[in-house]
Amino acid sequence: LVPSFSALQNERIKLRRAYTTSLFPLSVLLFTLAAGVFVCAPEIVQVLLGERFMAAVPIVQAFAVYVPFPILSNIGAIVAEATARLNIKLALQVAQLVFLVAGFWLAYRLGWGVAAFAWLMVLAAVLRSAAYGLVAARILGGGGRESLRAYLAGIGCGVAVAAVLFAVVGPLRMAGTEALVLFGLELALGTVLLAAIVFFGPDTELRGYALKTLRPLTGRVGGW
């Protein structure tokens, strides 16, 4: 993205459009996947790692929430880099480092445990995303509406997917369904929900890419 954004550094409207078209589909995709991992974390850990590692479930859930934010905030960081605002990028990196060191020290002193460290990283990533959203708004104009809209769309899709998954999986967990069976069901249902988000959710470039990928396949099926 850096070369393409750099080529548009003097064309603010085009750069803003490139920023939005990069941020929006990634937000929808990442938060949808994160929601699936968050809800299915018990089965993921039990099936892939074993019963002995069930204590890691809260950490896996924190990691699922964490992942979208640094990836999305990097798009704002690329805008700053492409427009030669490296001092802002450096200041935010230092601020994040100071926040994490202070937070980890406090968590250690209070004896909060490993899960607290994970959620502190989530909080740092959220704050970093908010900061880079403001940076992008300052550079590109528009008051940050594009960033807010992209994040809200992604989080909304994630919440919807999590609600459906939990509504289906929750009762089955309580009924004592075997973890491997649940894991297979979650994979199948998650795939269907992801496809529903892509094709019937917010209108993003993901839909165009998916249709372009499917078109040759449907042509071959039709040829048979």
C-alpha atoms as a PDB file:
ATOM      1  CA  LEU A   1       0.000   0.000   0.000  1.00  0.00           C
ATOM      2  CA  VAL A   2       2.852   2.430   0.693  1.00  0.00           C
ATOM      3  CA  PRO A   3       3.849   2.980  -2.977  1.00  0.00           C
ATOM      4  CA  SER A   4       0.238   3.441  -4.126  1.00  0.00           C
ATOM      5  CA  PHE A   5      -0.554   5.799  -1.243  1.00  0.00           C
ATOM      6  CA  SER A   6       2.682   7.723  -1.829  1.00  0.00           C
ATOM      7  CA  ALA A   7       1.744   8.235  -5.476  1.00  0.00           C
ATOM      8  CA  LEU A   8      -1.462   9.933  -4.292  1.00  0.00           C
ATOM      9  CA  GLN A   9       0.020  12.042  -1.489  1.00  0.00           C
ATOM     10  CA  ASN A  10      -0.765  15.307  -3.297  1.00  0.00           C
ATOM     11  CA  GLU A  11      -4.283  14.234  -4.310  1.00  0.00           C
ATOM     12  CA  ARG A  12      -6.176  14.202  -1.051  1.00  0.00           C
ATOM     13  CA  ILE A  13      -9.561  13.102  -2.431  1.00  0.00           C
ATOM     14  CA  LYS A  14      -8.070  10.102  -4.261  1.00  0.00           C
ATOM     15  CA  LEU A  15      -5.928   9.230  -1.244  1.00  0.00           C
ATOM     16  CA  ARG A  16      -8.976   9.366   1.027  1.00  0.00           C
ATOM     17  CA  ARG A  17     -10.845   7.068  -1.363  1.00  0.00           C
ATOM     18  CA  ALA A  18      -7.914   4.627  -1.435  1.00  0.00           C
ATOM     19  CA  TYR A  19      -7.759   4.680   2.372  1.00  0.00           C
ATOM     20  CA  THR A  20     -11.490   3.960   2.682  1.00  0.00           C
ATOM     21  CA  THR A  21     -11.522   1.185   0.095  1.00  0.00           C
ATOM     22  CA  SER A  22      -8.631  -0.479   1.937  1.00  0.00           C
ATOM     23  CA  LEU A  23     -10.005  -0.033   5.456  1.00  0.00           C
ATOM     24  CA  PHE A  24     -13.680  -0.920   4.971  1.00  0.00           C
ATOM     25  CA  PRO A  25     -13.457  -4.459   3.532  1.00  0.00           C
ATOM     26  CA  LEU A  26     -10.618  -5.418   5.861  1.00  0.00           C
ATOM     27  CA  SER A  27     -12.634  -4.244   8.862  1.00  0.00           C
ATOM     28  CA  VAL A  28     -15.660  -6.317   7.849  1.00  0.00           C
ATOM     29  CA  LEU A  29     -13.547  -9.412   7.172  1.00  0.00           C
ATOM     30  CA  LEU A  30     -11.326  -9.198  10.253  1.00  0.00           C
ATOM     31  CA  PHE A  31     -14.051  -8.496  12.804  1.00  0.00           C
ATOM     32  CA  THR A  32     -16.232 -11.252  11.333  1.00  0.00           C
ATOM     33  CA  LEU A  33     -13.396 -13.769  11.672  1.00  0.00           C
ATOM     34  CA  ALA A  34     -12.479 -12.449  15.118  1.00  0.00           C
ATOM     35  CA  ALA A  35     -16.052 -12.934  16.331  1.00  0.00           C
ATOM     36  CA  GLY A  36     -16.004 -16.534  15.151  1.00  0.00           C
ATOM     37  CA  VAL A  37     -12.743 -17.283  16.955  1.00  0.00           C
ATOM     38  CA  PHE A  38     -13.962 -15.539  20.129  1.00  0.00           C
ATOM     39  CA  VAL A  39     -17.157 -17.604  20.391  1.00  0.00           C
ATOM     40  CA  CYS A  40     -15.537 -20.875  19.293  1.00  0.00           C
ATOM     41  CA  ALA A  41     -12.400 -20.495  21.435  1.00  0.00           C
ATOM     42  CA  PRO A  42     -13.294 -23.329  23.877  1.00  0.00           C
ATOM     43  CA  GLU A  43     -13.642 -25.868  21.063  1.00  0.00           C
ATOM     44  CA  ILE A  44     -10.603 -24.507  19.191  1.00  0.00           C
ATOM     45  CA  VAL A  45      -8.416 -24.966  22.256  1.00  0.00           C
ATOM     46  CA  GLN A  46      -9.889 -28.328  23.252  1.00  0.00           C
ATOM     47  CA  VAL A  47      -9.677 -29.870  19.784  1.00  0.00           C
ATOM     48  CA  LEU A  48      -6.352 -28.409  18.630  1.00  0.00           C
ATOM     49  CA  LEU A  49      -4.451 -28.281  21.928  1.00  0.00           C
ATOM     50  CA  GLY A  50      -6.251 -30.645  24.282  1.00  0.00           C
ATOM     51  CA  GLU A  51      -8.065 -30.520  27.610  1.00  0.00           C
ATOM     52  CA  ARG A  52      -4.900 -29.552  29.509  1.00  0.00           C
ATOM     53  CA  PHE A  53      -4.830 -26.143  27.805  1.00  0.00           C
ATOM     54  CA  MET A  54      -8.428 -25.035  28.513  1.00  0.00           C
ATOM     55  CA  ALA A  55      -7.081 -22.297  30.782  1.00  0.00           C
ATOM     56  CA  ALA A  56      -5.796 -20.635  27.594  1.00  0.00           C
ATOM     57  CA  VAL A  57      -9.342 -19.958  26.322  1.00  0.00           C
ATOM     58  CA  PRO A  58      -9.513 -16.359  27.702  1.00  0.00           C
ATOM     59  CA  ILE A  59      -6.132 -15.619  26.104  1.00  0.00           C
ATOM     60  CA  VAL A  60      -7.296 -16.954  22.733  1.00  0.00           C
ATOM     61  CA  GLN A  61     -10.431 -14.805  23.038  1.00  0.00           C
ATOM     62  CA  ALA A  62      -8.347 -11.738  23.853  1.00  0.00           C
ATOM     63  CA  PHE A  63      -6.093 -12.486  20.894  1.00  0.00           C
ATOM     64  CA  ALA A  64      -9.160 -12.736  18.624  1.00  0.00           C
ATOM     65  CA  VAL A  65     -10.327  -9.289  19.720  1.00  0.00           C
ATOM     66  CA  TYR A  66      -6.796  -7.889  19.434  1.00  0.00           C
ATOM     67  CA  VAL A  67      -5.893  -8.950  15.896  1.00  0.00           C
ATOM     68  CA  PRO A  68      -8.156  -6.642  13.816  1.00  0.00           C
ATOM     69  CA  PHE A  69      -6.984  -3.437  15.484  1.00  0.00           C
ATOM     70  CA  PRO A  70      -3.231  -3.410  14.690  1.00  0.00           C
ATOM     71  CA  ILE A  71      -3.910  -4.542  11.125  1.00  0.00           C
ATOM     72  CA  LEU A  72      -6.469  -1.791  10.538  1.00  0.00           C
ATOM     73  CA  SER A  73      -4.452   0.891  12.323  1.00  0.00           C
ATOM     74  CA  ASN A  74      -1.508   0.064  10.055  1.00  0.00           C
ATOM     75  CA  ILE A  75      -3.507   1.510   7.155  1.00  0.00           C
ATOM     76  CA  GLY A  76      -3.593   4.843   8.986  1.00  0.00           C
ATOM     77  CA  ALA A  77       0.117   4.454   9.712  1.00  0.00           C
ATOM     78  CA  ILE A  78       0.733   3.942   5.987  1.00  0.00           C
ATOM     79  CA  VAL A  79      -1.148   7.184   5.257  1.00  0.00           C
ATOM     80  CA  ALA A  80       1.117   9.003   7.711  1.00  0.00           C
ATOM     81  CA  GLU A  81       4.217   7.408   6.182  1.00  0.00           C
ATOM     82  CA  ALA A  82       3.130   8.067   2.605  1.00  0.00           C
ATOM     83  CA  THR A  83       2.541  11.753   3.377  1.00  0.00           C
ATOM     84  CA  ALA A  84       5.846  12.133   5.262  1.00  0.00           C
ATOM     85  CA  ARG A  85       4.289  12.470   8.746  1.00  0.00           C
ATOM     86  CA  LEU A  86       6.903  10.187  10.269  1.00  0.00           C
ATOM     87  CA  ASN A  87       7.155  12.277  13.450  1.00  0.00           C
ATOM     88  CA  ILE A  88       3.497  11.477  14.250  1.00  0.00           C
ATOM     89  CA  LYS A  89       4.083   7.779  13.634  1.00  0.00           C
ATOM     90  CA  LEU A  90       7.140   7.773  15.895  1.00  0.00           C
ATOM     91  CA  ALA A  91       5.277   9.644  18.653  1.00  0.00           C
ATOM     92  CA  LEU A  92       2.426   7.130  18.596  1.00  0.00           C
ATOM     93  CA  GLN A  93       4.815   4.181  18.737  1.00  0.00           C
ATOM     94  CA  VAL A  94       6.575   5.672  21.766  1.00  0.00           C
ATOM     95  CA  ALA A  95       3.235   6.419  23.455  1.00  0.00           C
ATOM     96  CA  GLN A  96       2.067   2.838  22.882  1.00  0.00           C
ATOM     97  CA  LEU A  97       5.315   1.449  24.300  1.00  0.00           C
ATOM     98  CA  VAL A  98       5.040   3.634  27.415  1.00  0.00           C
ATOM     99  CA  PHE A  99       1.388   2.616  27.888  1.00  0.00           C
ATOM    100  CA  LEU A 100       2.222  -1.092  27.617  1.00  0.00           C
ATOM    101  CA  VAL A 101       5.196  -0.911  29.973  1.00  0.00           C
ATOM    102  CA  ALA A 102       3.139   0.992  32.562  1.00  0.00           C
ATOM    103  CA  GLY A 103       0.163  -1.325  32.126  1.00  0.00           C
ATOM    104  CA  PHE A 104       2.229  -4.509  32.393  1.00  0.00           C
ATOM    105  CA  TRP A 105       3.985  -3.190  35.493  1.00  0.00           C
ATOM    106  CA  LEU A 106       0.630  -2.355  37.116  1.00  0.00           C
ATOM    107  CA  ALA A 107      -0.850  -5.744  36.186  1.00  0.00           C
ATOM    108  CA  TYR A 108       2.211  -7.494  37.610  1.00  0.00           C
ATOM    109  CA  ARG A 109       2.089  -5.501  40.847  1.00  0.00           C
ATOM    110  CA  LEU A 110      -1.614  -6.248  41.288  1.00  0.00           C
ATOM    111  CA  GLY A 111      -1.174  -9.918  40.418  1.00  0.00           C
ATOM    112  CA  TRP A 112      -3.777  -9.880  37.666  1.00  0.00           C
ATOM    113  CA  GLY A 113      -2.360 -12.820  35.705  1.00  0.00           C
ATOM    114  CA  VAL A 114      -1.648 -13.577  32.052  1.00  0.00           C
ATOM    115  CA  ALA A 115      -5.186 -12.825  30.822  1.00  0.00           C
ATOM    116  CA  ALA A 116      -4.864  -9.257  32.110  1.00  0.00           C
ATOM    117  CA  PHE A 117      -1.676  -8.786  30.085  1.00  0.00           C
ATOM    118  CA  ALA A 118      -3.540  -9.984  26.994  1.00  0.00           C
ATOM    119  CA  TRP A 119      -6.435  -7.593  27.529  1.00  0.00           C
ATOM    120  CA  LEU A 120      -4.002  -4.727  28.160  1.00  0.00           C
ATOM    121  CA  MET A 121      -2.614  -5.412  24.697  1.00  0.00           C
ATOM    122  CA  VAL A 122      -6.164  -5.269  23.343  1.00  0.00           C
ATOM    123  CA  LEU A 123      -6.723  -1.897  25.014  1.00  0.00           C
ATOM    124  CA  ALA A 124      -3.412  -0.582  23.638  1.00  0.00           C
ATOM    125  CA  ALA A 125      -4.396  -1.744  20.139  1.00  0.00           C
ATOM    126  CA  VAL A 126      -7.809  -0.051  20.396  1.00  0.00           C
ATOM    127  CA  LEU A 127      -6.207   3.226  21.515  1.00  0.00           C
ATOM    128  CA  ARG A 128      -3.650   2.974  18.695  1.00  0.00           C
ATOM    129  CA  SER A 129      -6.443   2.464  16.165  1.00  0.00           C
ATOM    130  CA  ALA A 130      -8.324   5.487  17.501  1.00  0.00           C
ATOM    131  CA  ALA A 131      -5.155   7.578  17.340  1.00  0.00           C
ATOM    132  CA  TYR A 132      -4.394   6.590  13.750  1.00  0.00           C
ATOM    133  CA  GLY A 133      -8.015   7.212  12.826  1.00  0.00           C
ATOM    134  CA  LEU A 134      -7.579  10.784  14.065  1.00  0.00           C
ATOM    135  CA  VAL A 135      -4.259  11.070  12.224  1.00  0.00           C
ATOM    136  CA  ALA A 136      -5.870   9.897   8.978  1.00  0.00           C
ATOM    137  CA  ALA A 137      -8.740  12.351   9.493  1.00  0.00           C
ATOM    138  CA  ARG A 138      -6.279  15.185  10.032  1.00  0.00           C
ATOM    139  CA  ILE A 139      -4.317  14.312   6.887  1.00  0.00           C
ATOM    140  CA  LEU A 140      -7.211  13.391   4.614  1.00  0.00           C
ATOM    141  CA  GLY A 141     -10.003  15.587   5.982  1.00  0.00           C
ATOM    142  CA  GLY A 142     -13.560  14.412   6.386  1.00  0.00           C
ATOM    143  CA  GLY A 143     -13.585  14.477  10.177  1.00  0.00           C
ATOM    144  CA  GLY A 144     -12.782  10.774  10.502  1.00  0.00           C
ATOM    145  CA  ARG A 145     -16.190   9.645   9.279  1.00  0.00           C
ATOM    146  CA  GLU A 146     -14.654   7.067   6.941  1.00  0.00           C
ATOM    147  CA  SER A 147     -12.667   5.428   9.742  1.00  0.00           C
ATOM    148  CA  LEU A 148     -15.601   5.414  12.148  1.00  0.00           C
ATOM    149  CA  ARG A 149     -17.957   4.013   9.528  1.00  0.00           C
ATOM    150  CA  ALA A 150     -15.513   1.239   8.626  1.00  0.00           C
ATOM    151  CA  TYR A 151     -14.932   0.214  12.241  1.00  0.00           C
ATOM    152  CA  LEU A 152     -18.639   0.323  13.105  1.00  0.00           C
ATOM    153  CA  ALA A 153     -19.515  -1.765  10.043  1.00  0.00           C
ATOM    154  CA  GLY A 154     -16.889  -4.356  10.940  1.00  0.00           C
ATOM    155  CA  ILE A 155     -17.838  -4.492  14.617  1.00  0.00           C
ATOM    156  CA  GLY A 156     -21.520  -4.706  13.696  1.00  0.00           C
ATOM    157  CA  CYS A 157     -20.858  -7.693  11.422  1.00  0.00           C
ATOM    158  CA  GLY A 158     -18.759  -9.303  14.133  1.00  0.00           C
ATOM    159  CA  VAL A 159     -21.457  -8.874  16.777  1.00  0.00           C
ATOM    160  CA  ALA A 160     -24.087 -10.333  14.432  1.00  0.00           C
ATOM    161  CA  VAL A 161     -21.932 -13.375  13.651  1.00  0.00           C
ATOM    162  CA  ALA A 162     -21.079 -13.887  17.330  1.00  0.00           C
ATOM    163  CA  ALA A 163     -24.759 -13.709  18.291  1.00  0.00           C
ATOM    164  CA  VAL A 164     -25.787 -16.341  15.732  1.00  0.00           C
ATOM    165  CA  LEU A 165     -22.902 -18.651  16.626  1.00  0.00           C
ATOM    166  CA  PHE A 166     -23.569 -18.371  20.335  1.00  0.00           C
ATOM    167  CA  ALA A 167     -27.306 -18.927  19.860  1.00  0.00           C
ATOM    168  CA  VAL A 168     -26.575 -22.199  18.060  1.00  0.00           C
ATOM    169  CA  VAL A 169     -23.513 -23.406  19.964  1.00  0.00           C
ATOM    170  CA  GLY A 170     -24.442 -22.303  23.498  1.00  0.00           C
ATOM    171  CA  PRO A 171     -27.341 -24.757  24.029  1.00  0.00           C
ATOM    172  CA  LEU A 172     -25.304 -27.584  22.485  1.00  0.00           C
ATOM    173  CA  ARG A 173     -22.450 -26.911  24.916  1.00  0.00           C
ATOM    174  CA  MET A 174     -24.879 -27.007  27.829  1.00  0.00           C
ATOM    175  CA  ALA A 175     -26.249 -30.296  26.503  1.00  0.00           C
ATOM    176  CA  GLY A 176     -22.751 -31.794  26.652  1.00  0.00           C
ATOM    177  CA  THR A 177     -22.164 -32.192  22.909  1.00  0.00           C
ATOM    178  CA  GLU A 178     -18.714 -33.542  22.106  1.00  0.00           C
ATOM    179  CA  ALA A 179     -16.121 -30.857  21.362  1.00  0.00           C
ATOM    180  CA  LEU A 180     -15.091 -32.320  18.007  1.00  0.00           C
ATOM    181  CA  VAL A 181     -18.712 -32.358  16.809  1.00  0.00           C
ATOM    182  CA  LEU A 182     -19.183 -28.773  17.954  1.00  0.00           C
ATOM    183  CA  PHE A 183     -15.948 -27.741  16.265  1.00  0.00           C
ATOM    184  CA  GLY A 184     -17.106 -29.203  12.945  1.00  0.00           C
ATOM    185  CA  LEU A 185     -20.482 -27.496  13.295  1.00  0.00           C
ATOM    186  CA  GLU A 186     -18.795 -24.185  14.104  1.00  0.00           C
ATOM    187  CA  LEU A 187     -16.573 -24.445  11.028  1.00  0.00           C
ATOM    188  CA  ALA A 188     -19.555 -25.154   8.772  1.00  0.00           C
ATOM    189  CA  LEU A 189     -21.777 -22.462  10.301  1.00  0.00           C
ATOM    190  CA  GLY A 190     -18.915 -19.965  10.383  1.00  0.00           C
ATOM    191  CA  THR A 191     -18.278 -20.496   6.677  1.00  0.00           C
ATOM    192  CA  VAL A 192     -21.949 -19.911   5.891  1.00  0.00           C
ATOM    193  CA  LEU A 193     -22.038 -16.759   8.045  1.00  0.00           C
ATOM    194  CA  LEU A 194     -18.860 -15.390   6.454  1.00  0.00           C
ATOM    195  CA  ALA A 195     -20.332 -15.962   2.994  1.00  0.00           C
ATOM    196  CA  ALA A 196     -23.552 -14.238   4.107  1.00  0.00           C
ATOM    197  CA  ILE A 197     -21.577 -11.228   5.318  1.00  0.00           C
ATOM    198  CA  VAL A 198     -19.612 -11.035   2.074  1.00  0.00           C
ATOM    199  CA  PHE A 199     -22.594 -11.365  -0.264  1.00  0.00           C
ATOM    200  CA  PHE A 200     -25.419  -9.798   1.760  1.00  0.00           C
ATOM    201  CA  GLY A 201     -23.645  -7.595   4.290  1.00  0.00           C
ATOM    202  CA  PRO A 202     -22.118  -4.123   3.780  1.00  0.00           C
ATOM    203  CA  ASP A 203     -21.283  -3.370   0.162  1.00  0.00           C
ATOM    204  CA  THR A 204     -17.488  -3.645  -0.021  1.00  0.00           C
ATOM    205  CA  GLU A 205     -14.855  -4.713  -2.522  1.00  0.00           C
ATOM    206  CA  LEU A 206     -14.973  -8.168  -0.921  1.00  0.00           C
ATOM    207  CA  ARG A 207     -18.182  -8.898  -2.781  1.00  0.00           C
ATOM    208  CA  GLY A 208     -16.621  -8.016  -6.119  1.00  0.00           C
ATOM    209  CA  TYR A 209     -13.555 -10.154  -5.411  1.00  0.00           C
ATOM    210  CA  ALA A 210     -15.704 -13.087  -4.322  1.00  0.00           C
ATOM    211  CA  LEU A 211     -17.920 -12.864  -7.413  1.00  0.00           C
ATOM    212  CA  LYS A 212     -14.859 -12.622  -9.641  1.00  0.00           C
ATOM    213  CA  THR A 213     -13.430 -15.750  -8.000  1.00  0.00           C
ATOM    214  CA  LEU A 214     -16.688 -17.686  -8.263  1.00  0.00           C
ATOM    215  CA  ARG A 215     -17.445 -16.733 -11.862  1.00  0.00           C
ATOM    216  CA  PRO A 216     -14.984 -19.253 -13.434  1.00  0.00           C
ATOM    217  CA  LEU A 217     -16.253 -21.973 -11.098  1.00  0.00           C
ATOM    218  CA  THR A 218     -19.907 -21.371 -11.972  1.00  0.00           C
ATOM    219  CA  GLY A 219     -18.947 -21.346 -15.645  1.00  0.00           C
ATOM    220  CA  ARG A 220     -17.346 -24.775 -15.323  1.00  0.00           C
ATOM    221  CA  VAL A 221     -20.350 -26.147 -13.439  1.00  0.00           C
ATOM    222  CA  GLY A 222     -22.630 -24.791 -16.138  1.00  0.00           C
ATOM    223  CA  GLY A 223     -20.434 -26.444 -18.789  1.00  0.00           C
ATOM    224  CA  TRP A 224     -20.947 -29.825 -17.161  1.00  0.00           C
END
